[in-house]
C-alpha atoms as a PDB file:
ATOM      1  CA  MET A   1      45.064  63.245 -13.827  1.00  0.00           C
ATOM      2  CA  LYS A   2      48.360  61.591 -14.013  1.00  0.00           C
ATOM      3  CA  ALA A   3      50.814  61.649 -11.191  1.00  0.00           C
ATOM      4  CA  SER A   4      53.576  62.691 -13.837  1.00  0.00           C
ATOM      5  CA  ASP A   5      51.772  66.071 -14.167  1.00  0.00           C
ATOM      6  CA  ASN A   6      54.276  68.615 -12.759  1.00  0.00           C
ATOM      7  CA  LYS A   7      51.503  70.811 -11.561  1.00  0.00           C
ATOM      8  CA  VAL A   8      50.269  68.361  -9.014  1.00  0.00           C
ATOM      9  CA  PRO A   9      50.752  69.879  -5.733  1.00  0.00           C
ATOM     10  CA  LYS A  10      53.399  68.065  -3.566  1.00  0.00           C
ATOM     11  CA  HIS A  11      52.013  69.062  -0.179  1.00  0.00           C
ATOM     12  CA  ILE A  12      48.235  69.420   0.633  1.00  0.00           C
ATOM     13  CA  GLY A  13      46.683  70.873   3.874  1.00  0.00           C
ATOM     14  CA  VAL A  14      43.146  69.884   4.808  1.00  0.00           C
ATOM     15  CA  ILE A  15      40.935  71.515   7.621  1.00  0.00           C
ATOM     16  CA  LEU A  16      38.532  68.502   8.351  1.00  0.00           C
ATOM     17  CA  ASP A  17      35.381  70.856   9.300  1.00  0.00           C
ATOM     18  CA  GLY A  18      31.989  69.931   9.360  1.00  0.00           C
ATOM     19  CA  ASN A  19      31.563  66.469  11.013  1.00  0.00           C
ATOM     20  CA  ARG A  20      29.200  67.560  13.929  1.00  0.00           C
ATOM     21  CA  ARG A  21      27.034  69.546  11.226  1.00  0.00           C
ATOM     22  CA  PHE A  22      26.955  66.532   8.988  1.00  0.00           C
ATOM     23  CA  ALA A  23      25.832  64.432  11.916  1.00  0.00           C
ATOM     24  CA  LYS A  24      23.099  66.821  12.611  1.00  0.00           C
ATOM     25  CA  LYS A  25      21.821  66.655   9.168  1.00  0.00           C
ATOM     26  CA  LEU A  26      21.369  62.867   9.684  1.00  0.00           C
ATOM     27  CA  MET A  27      19.518  63.621  13.212  1.00  0.00           C
ATOM     28  CA  LEU A  28      22.546  61.677  15.156  1.00  0.00           C
ATOM     29  CA  LYS A  29      24.471  62.843  17.976  1.00  0.00           C
ATOM     30  CA  PRO A  30      26.954  65.624  16.808  1.00  0.00           C
ATOM     31  CA  TRP A  31      30.009  63.778  17.649  1.00  0.00           C
ATOM     32  CA  LYS A  32      28.986  60.625  15.630  1.00  0.00           C
ATOM     33  CA  GLY A  33      29.876  62.539  12.701  1.00  0.00           C
ATOM     34  CA  HIS A  34      33.678  62.195  13.481  1.00  0.00           C
ATOM     35  CA  GLU A  35      33.251  58.637  12.547  1.00  0.00           C
ATOM     36  CA  TRP A  36      32.189  59.352   9.137  1.00  0.00           C
ATOM     37  CA  GLY A  37      35.024  61.781   9.014  1.00  0.00           C
ATOM     38  CA  ALA A  38      37.721  59.270   9.851  1.00  0.00           C
ATOM     39  CA  LYS A  39      36.314  56.859   7.038  1.00  0.00           C
ATOM     40  CA  LYS A  40      36.693  59.927   4.623  1.00  0.00           C
ATOM     41  CA  VAL A  41      40.435  60.415   5.727  1.00  0.00           C
ATOM     42  CA  GLU A  42      41.180  56.812   4.663  1.00  0.00           C
ATOM     43  CA  GLU A  43      39.463  57.708   1.090  1.00  0.00           C
ATOM     44  CA  LEU A  44      41.355  61.077   0.883  1.00  0.00           C
ATOM     45  CA  LEU A  45      44.867  59.144   1.458  1.00  0.00           C
ATOM     46  CA  LYS A  46      44.062  56.808  -1.521  1.00  0.00           C
ATOM     47  CA  TRP A  47      43.159  59.749  -3.630  1.00  0.00           C
ATOM     48  CA  SER A  48      46.138  61.713  -2.913  1.00  0.00           C
ATOM     49  CA  LYS A  49      48.466  58.992  -3.267  1.00  0.00           C
ATOM     50  CA  ASP A  50      46.965  58.021  -6.706  1.00  0.00           C
ATOM     51  CA  ILE A  51      47.464  61.499  -8.118  1.00  0.00           C
ATOM     52  CA  GLY A  52      51.155  61.894  -6.845  1.00  0.00           C
ATOM     53  CA  VAL A  53      50.559  64.133  -3.838  1.00  0.00           C
ATOM     54  CA  LYS A  54      53.685  63.385  -1.794  1.00  0.00           C
ATOM     55  CA  GLU A  55      52.714  65.158   1.751  1.00  0.00           C
ATOM     56  CA  LEU A  56      49.224  65.501   3.808  1.00  0.00           C
ATOM     57  CA  THR A  57      48.512  67.731   6.579  1.00  0.00           C
ATOM     58  CA  LEU A  58      45.255  67.063   8.164  1.00  0.00           C
ATOM     59  CA  TYR A  59      43.879  69.448  10.776  1.00  0.00           C
ATOM     60  CA  SER A  60      42.158  66.806  12.990  1.00  0.00           C
ATOM     61  CA  PHE A  61      41.711  68.321  16.490  1.00  0.00           C
ATOM     62  CA  SER A  62      42.851  71.738  17.662  1.00  0.00           C
ATOM     63  CA  VAL A  63      44.260  72.512  20.997  1.00  0.00           C
ATOM     64  CA  GLN A  64      41.043  74.767  21.571  1.00  0.00           C
ATOM     65  CA  ASN A  65      39.150  71.516  21.077  1.00  0.00           C
ATOM     66  CA  LEU A  66      40.502  70.324  24.429  1.00  0.00           C
ATOM     67  CA  ASN A  67      37.629  72.448  25.758  1.00  0.00           C
ATOM     68  CA  ARG A  68      34.734  70.265  24.309  1.00  0.00           C
ATOM     69  CA  PRO A  69      32.261  68.780  26.298  1.00  0.00           C
ATOM     70  CA  LYS A  70      33.721  65.820  28.406  1.00  0.00           C
ATOM     71  CA  LYS A  71      31.490  63.147  26.561  1.00  0.00           C
ATOM     72  CA  GLU A  72      32.563  64.418  23.165  1.00  0.00           C
ATOM     73  CA  PHE A  73      36.089  64.702  24.262  1.00  0.00           C
ATOM     74  CA  TYR A  74      36.478  61.279  25.455  1.00  0.00           C
ATOM     75  CA  TYR A  75      34.508  59.759  22.360  1.00  0.00           C
ATOM     76  CA  LEU A  76      37.140  61.533  20.198  1.00  0.00           C
ATOM     77  CA  MET A  77      40.057  60.040  22.092  1.00  0.00           C
ATOM     78  CA  GLU A  78      38.494  56.522  21.618  1.00  0.00           C
ATOM     79  CA  LEU A  79      38.137  57.175  18.106  1.00  0.00           C
ATOM     80  CA  PHE A  80      41.609  58.479  17.633  1.00  0.00           C
ATOM     81  CA  LYS A  81      43.089  55.302  19.511  1.00  0.00           C
ATOM     82  CA  LYS A  82      40.820  53.070  17.291  1.00  0.00           C
ATOM     83  CA  GLU A  83      42.023  54.640  13.950  1.00  0.00           C
ATOM     84  CA  PHE A  84      45.655  54.988  15.097  1.00  0.00           C
ATOM     85  CA  GLU A  85      45.787  51.390  16.176  1.00  0.00           C
ATOM     86  CA  ARG A  86      44.411  50.431  12.804  1.00  0.00           C
ATOM     87  CA  LEU A  87      47.036  52.353  11.071  1.00  0.00           C
ATOM     88  CA  TYR A  88      49.707  51.055  13.196  1.00  0.00           C
ATOM     89  CA  HIS A  89      48.796  47.464  12.186  1.00  0.00           C
ATOM     90  CA  ASP A  90      48.063  48.162   8.496  1.00  0.00           C
ATOM     91  CA  LYS A  91      50.748  46.625   6.370  1.00  0.00           C
ATOM     92  CA  ARG A  92      50.197  49.002   3.611  1.00  0.00           C
ATOM     93  CA  ILE A  93      51.612  51.753   5.745  1.00  0.00           C
ATOM     94  CA  MET A  94      55.230  49.888   5.710  1.00  0.00           C
ATOM     95  CA  GLU A  95      54.744  48.439   2.180  1.00  0.00           C
ATOM     96  CA  ASP A  96      53.924  51.940   0.521  1.00  0.00           C
ATOM     97  CA  SER A  97      56.781  53.583   2.772  1.00  0.00           C
ATOM     98  CA  VAL A  98      54.397  56.119   4.464  1.00  0.00           C
ATOM     99  CA  LYS A  99      55.814  58.320   7.447  1.00  0.00           C
ATOM    100  CA  ILE A 100      53.144  59.378   9.825  1.00  0.00           C
ATOM    101  CA  ASN A 101      53.827  62.412  12.069  1.00  0.00           C
ATOM    102  CA  ILE A 102      51.671  63.897  15.005  1.00  0.00           C
ATOM    103  CA  LEU A 103      51.903  67.642  15.206  1.00  0.00           C
ATOM    104  CA  GLY A 104      50.782  69.500  18.192  1.00  0.00           C
ATOM    105  CA  ARG A 105      50.987  69.473  21.926  1.00  0.00           C
ATOM    106  CA  ILE A 106      50.442  65.905  22.452  1.00  0.00           C
ATOM    107  CA  HIS A 107      51.459  65.906  25.927  1.00  0.00           C
ATOM    108  CA  LEU A 108      47.949  67.200  26.688  1.00  0.00           C
ATOM    109  CA  LEU A 109      46.140  64.162  25.598  1.00  0.00           C
ATOM    110  CA  PRO A 110      45.644  60.884  27.390  1.00  0.00           C
ATOM    111  CA  LYS A 111      48.813  59.051  28.155  1.00  0.00           C
ATOM    112  CA  ASP A 112      47.641  55.848  26.327  1.00  0.00           C
ATOM    113  CA  LEU A 113      47.231  58.032  23.201  1.00  0.00           C
ATOM    114  CA  GLN A 114      50.457  59.742  23.824  1.00  0.00           C
ATOM    115  CA  GLU A 115      52.141  56.255  23.785  1.00  0.00           C
ATOM    116  CA  LEU A 116      50.364  55.182  20.669  1.00  0.00           C
ATOM    117  CA  PHE A 117      51.349  58.295  18.692  1.00  0.00           C
ATOM    118  CA  HIS A 118      54.850  57.991  19.707  1.00  0.00           C
ATOM    119  CA  LYS A 119      54.880  54.257  18.808  1.00  0.00           C
ATOM    120  CA  ILE A 120      53.509  54.944  15.218  1.00  0.00           C
ATOM    121  CA  MET A 121      56.054  57.719  14.606  1.00  0.00           C
ATOM    122  CA  LYS A 122      58.859  55.570  15.791  1.00  0.00           C
ATOM    123  CA  LYS A 123      57.810  52.697  13.506  1.00  0.00           C
ATOM    124  CA  THR A 124      57.473  54.979  10.375  1.00  0.00           C
ATOM    125  CA  GLU A 125      60.233  57.396  10.878  1.00  0.00           C
ATOM    126  CA  LYS A 126      62.465  55.987   8.152  1.00  0.00           C
ATOM    127  CA  ASN A 127      59.592  55.644   5.493  1.00  0.00           C
ATOM    128  CA  ASN A 128      60.023  58.247   2.747  1.00  0.00           C
ATOM    129  CA  SER A 129      57.747  57.833  -0.192  1.00  0.00           C
ATOM    130  CA  TYR A 130      54.757  59.707   1.414  1.00  0.00           C
ATOM    131  CA  VAL A 131      53.969  61.835   4.605  1.00  0.00           C
ATOM    132  CA  VAL A 132      50.782  62.173   6.418  1.00  0.00           C
ATOM    133  CA  ASN A 133      50.849  64.755   9.110  1.00  0.00           C
ATOM    134  CA  PHE A 134      47.969  64.660  11.719  1.00  0.00           C
ATOM    135  CA  ALA A 135      47.620  67.976  13.598  1.00  0.00           C
ATOM    136  CA  ILE A 136      46.023  66.885  16.818  1.00  0.00           C
ATOM    137  CA  ALA A 137      45.956  69.115  20.066  1.00  0.00           C
ATOM    138  CA  TYR A 138      47.372  71.623  17.244  1.00  0.00           C
ATOM    139  CA  GLY A 139      47.349  75.484  16.969  1.00  0.00           C
ATOM    140  CA  GLY A 140      49.330  77.580  14.563  1.00  0.00           C
ATOM    141  CA  ARG A 141      50.145  80.410  17.210  1.00  0.00           C
ATOM    142  CA  GLU A 142      50.891  77.610  19.653  1.00  0.00           C
ATOM    143  CA  GLU A 143      53.137  76.025  17.255  1.00  0.00           C
ATOM    144  CA  VAL A 144      55.151  79.485  16.918  1.00  0.00           C
ATOM    145  CA  VAL A 145      55.308  79.941  20.647  1.00  0.00           C
ATOM    146  CA  ASP A 146      56.607  76.450  21.008  1.00  0.00           C
ATOM    147  CA  ALA A 147      59.231  76.986  18.451  1.00  0.00           C
ATOM    148  CA  VAL A 148      60.506  80.298  20.041  1.00  0.00           C
ATOM    149  CA  MET A 149      60.550  78.245  23.259  1.00  0.00           C
ATOM    150  CA  ARG A 150      62.771  75.555  21.659  1.00  0.00           C
ATOM    151  CA  LEU A 151      64.873  78.138  19.837  1.00  0.00           C
ATOM    152  CA  SER A 152      65.390  80.302  22.926  1.00  0.00           C
ATOM    153  CA  LYS A 153      66.541  77.228  24.930  1.00  0.00           C
ATOM    154  CA  ASP A 154      69.237  76.510  22.104  1.00  0.00           C
ATOM    155  CA  VAL A 155      70.568  80.227  22.202  1.00  0.00           C
ATOM    156  CA  LYS A 156      70.792  80.044  26.089  1.00  0.00           C
ATOM    157  CA  ASN A 157      72.685  76.740  25.966  1.00  0.00           C
ATOM    158  CA  GLY A 158      75.126  78.312  23.343  1.00  0.00           C
ATOM    159  CA  ILE A 159      73.815  75.882  20.447  1.00  0.00           C
ATOM    160  CA  LEU A 160      72.736  78.777  18.415  1.00  0.00           C
ATOM    161  CA  GLU A 161      73.934  82.418  18.085  1.00  0.00           C
ATOM    162  CA  PRO A 162      71.216  85.271  18.081  1.00  0.00           C
ATOM    163  CA  LYS A 163      72.763  86.750  15.010  1.00  0.00           C
ATOM    164  CA  ASP A 164      72.353  83.612  13.226  1.00  0.00           C
ATOM    165  CA  VAL A 165      68.664  83.469  13.562  1.00  0.00           C
ATOM    166  CA  ASN A 166      66.717  83.949  10.348  1.00  0.00           C
ATOM    167  CA  GLU A 167      63.392  82.651   8.804  1.00  0.00           C
ATOM    168  CA  SER A 168      65.113  79.428   7.534  1.00  0.00           C
ATOM    169  CA  ILE A 169      66.497  78.672  11.018  1.00  0.00           C
ATOM    170  CA  PHE A 170      63.305  79.565  12.742  1.00  0.00           C
ATOM    171  CA  GLN A 171      61.327  77.375  10.664  1.00  0.00           C
ATOM    172  CA  ASN A 172      63.162  74.247  11.466  1.00  0.00           C
ATOM    173  CA  TYR A 173      61.921  74.672  15.058  1.00  0.00           C
ATOM    174  CA  LEU A 174      58.352  74.361  13.899  1.00  0.00           C
ATOM    175  CA  TYR A 175      56.517  71.124  14.249  1.00  0.00           C
ATOM    176  CA  THR A 176      57.104  70.796  10.456  1.00  0.00           C
ATOM    177  CA  PRO A 177      58.967  73.059   8.153  1.00  0.00           C
ATOM    178  CA  SER A 178      57.036  71.946   5.179  1.00  0.00           C
ATOM    179  CA  GLU A 179      54.803  74.421   3.282  1.00  0.00           C
ATOM    180  CA  PRO A 180      51.662  73.466   1.711  1.00  0.00           C
ATOM    181  CA  ASP A 181      50.872  74.138  -1.961  1.00  0.00           C
ATOM    182  CA  LEU A 182      47.290  74.231  -1.340  1.00  0.00           C
ATOM    183  CA  ILE A 183      45.002  74.116   1.587  1.00  0.00           C
ATOM    184  CA  ILE A 184      41.243  72.930   1.577  1.00  0.00           C
ATOM    185  CA  ARG A 185      38.889  73.897   4.068  1.00  0.00           C
ATOM    186  CA  THR A 186      35.504  72.132   4.240  1.00  0.00           C
ATOM    187  CA  GLY A 187      32.317  72.902   5.927  1.00  0.00           C
ATOM    188  CA  GLY A 188      31.434  76.411   4.596  1.00  0.00           C
ATOM    189  CA  ASP A 189      33.544  78.588   6.784  1.00  0.00           C
ATOM    190  CA  ASN A 190      35.930  81.107   5.250  1.00  0.00           C
ATOM    191  CA  ARG A 191      38.517  81.352   7.714  1.00  0.00           C
ATOM    192  CA  THR A 192      42.009  79.901   8.513  1.00  0.00           C
ATOM    193  CA  SER A 193      41.452  78.808  11.979  1.00  0.00           C
ATOM    194  CA  ASN A 194      45.099  79.104  13.292  1.00  0.00           C
ATOM    195  CA  PHE A 195      46.190  76.352  10.925  1.00  0.00           C
ATOM    196  CA  LEU A 196      49.820  76.316   9.680  1.00  0.00           C
ATOM    197  CA  ILE A 197      50.170  80.089   9.996  1.00  0.00           C
ATOM    198  CA  TRP A 198      53.766  80.156   9.339  1.00  0.00           C
ATOM    199  CA  GLN A 199      54.003  77.608   6.706  1.00  0.00           C
ATOM    200  CA  SER A 200      50.991  78.884   4.646  1.00  0.00           C
ATOM    201  CA  ASN A 201      52.298  82.303   3.835  1.00  0.00           C
ATOM    202  CA  TYR A 202      52.105  81.554  -0.038  1.00  0.00           C
ATOM    203  CA  SER A 203      49.604  78.425   0.180  1.00  0.00           C
ATOM    204  CA  GLU A 204      46.432  78.650  -2.269  1.00  0.00           C
ATOM    205  CA  TRP A 205      43.445  78.493  -0.167  1.00  0.00           C
ATOM    206  CA  PHE A 206      40.140  76.653  -1.273  1.00  0.00           C
ATOM    207  CA  PHE A 207      36.869  76.860   0.767  1.00  0.00           C
ATOM    208  CA  LEU A 208      34.356  74.268   0.184  1.00  0.00           C
ATOM    209  CA  GLU A 209      30.584  74.568   1.342  1.00  0.00           C
ATOM    210  CA  LYS A 210      30.309  70.913   1.790  1.00  0.00           C
ATOM    211  CA  CYS A 211      31.029  68.946   5.068  1.00  0.00           C
ATOM    212  CA  TRP A 212      34.139  66.883   5.550  1.00  0.00           C
ATOM    213  CA  PRO A 213      32.339  63.788   5.404  1.00  0.00           C
ATOM    214  CA  GLU A 214      30.404  64.674   2.283  1.00  0.00           C
ATOM    215  CA  ILE A 215      33.540  65.457   0.149  1.00  0.00           C
ATOM    216  CA  GLU A 216      33.809  62.896  -2.852  1.00  0.00           C
ATOM    217  CA  LYS A 217      36.918  62.293  -5.113  1.00  0.00           C
ATOM    218  CA  GLU A 218      35.234  64.522  -7.843  1.00  0.00           C
ATOM    219  CA  ASP A 219      35.178  67.546  -5.370  1.00  0.00           C
ATOM    220  CA  PHE A 220      38.857  66.802  -4.514  1.00  0.00           C
ATOM    221  CA  ILE A 221      39.895  66.592  -8.045  1.00  0.00           C
ATOM    222  CA  LYS A 222      38.017  69.721  -9.042  1.00  0.00           C
ATOM    223  CA  VAL A 223      39.972  71.679  -6.431  1.00  0.00           C
ATOM    224  CA  ILE A 224      43.129  70.249  -7.900  1.00  0.00           C
ATOM    225  CA  GLU A 225      42.170  71.209 -11.386  1.00  0.00           C
ATOM    226  CA  GLU A 226      41.573  74.812 -10.122  1.00  0.00           C
ATOM    227  CA  PHE A 227      44.849  74.865  -8.362  1.00  0.00           C
ATOM    228  CA  GLN A 228      46.448  73.987 -11.613  1.00  0.00           C
ATOM    229  CA  GLN A 229      45.060  77.021 -13.252  1.00  0.00           C
ATOM    230  CA  ARG A 230      46.036  79.697 -10.759  1.00  0.00           C
ATOM    231  CA  GLU A 231      49.418  81.550 -11.357  1.00  0.00           C
ATOM    232  CA  ARG A 232      51.508  81.275  -8.250  1.00  0.00           C
ATOM    233  CA  ARG A 233      53.673  84.482  -7.982  1.00  0.00           C
ATOM    234  CA  PHE A 234      54.926  84.037  -4.356  1.00  0.00           C
ATOM    235  CA  GLY A 235      54.845  87.947  -4.090  1.00  0.00           C
ATOM    236  CA  LYS A 236      56.967  88.526  -7.360  1.00  0.00           C
END
């Protein structure tokens, strides 16, 4: 598959599901599967870049996941810290002009992780060749509510007139206005799980049986090839 192919999706969303089930298959503690999942994310970044994808949005941790057992929660926070520290110091991020965004209610996360997220976003904010959005402490309904709150504040302060509000204006108040061409969900569940509920209105969805750590490049390419065969009518 060549990057010049104009049917390569510009933006792909991925729900990284099945890490715990994968660990159970290996008879490991359930949360140990997240380590395997983190390694697979690094591979996905390379696969996407190789075929010419320009943006990825990865559903990494939902706002509902904040209610996970404390031991698993703190394990995940330490894993995020380790992986984002690695990203922060990875020279390829700047050499390849990769912009990193964290989408979600990150103020609900540990302070040191919040600071790290802000630091990596600041460092990469002017990069423009490739965008990677990590949805962490994220929820689609929560995103819409937060957008309404920000928009309401601007209306109250006279920055925006109510009569001027339309879909385009509202979309700019979301964590990200970018709409995925396709969304992949791994792990065998056929539901959207509160992911990009505004932006995915015309996304093509693919549901895979394999758990996230089991996904290989061949699976990814197969999805891309099937996407290229679909006719996207956008309601027309």
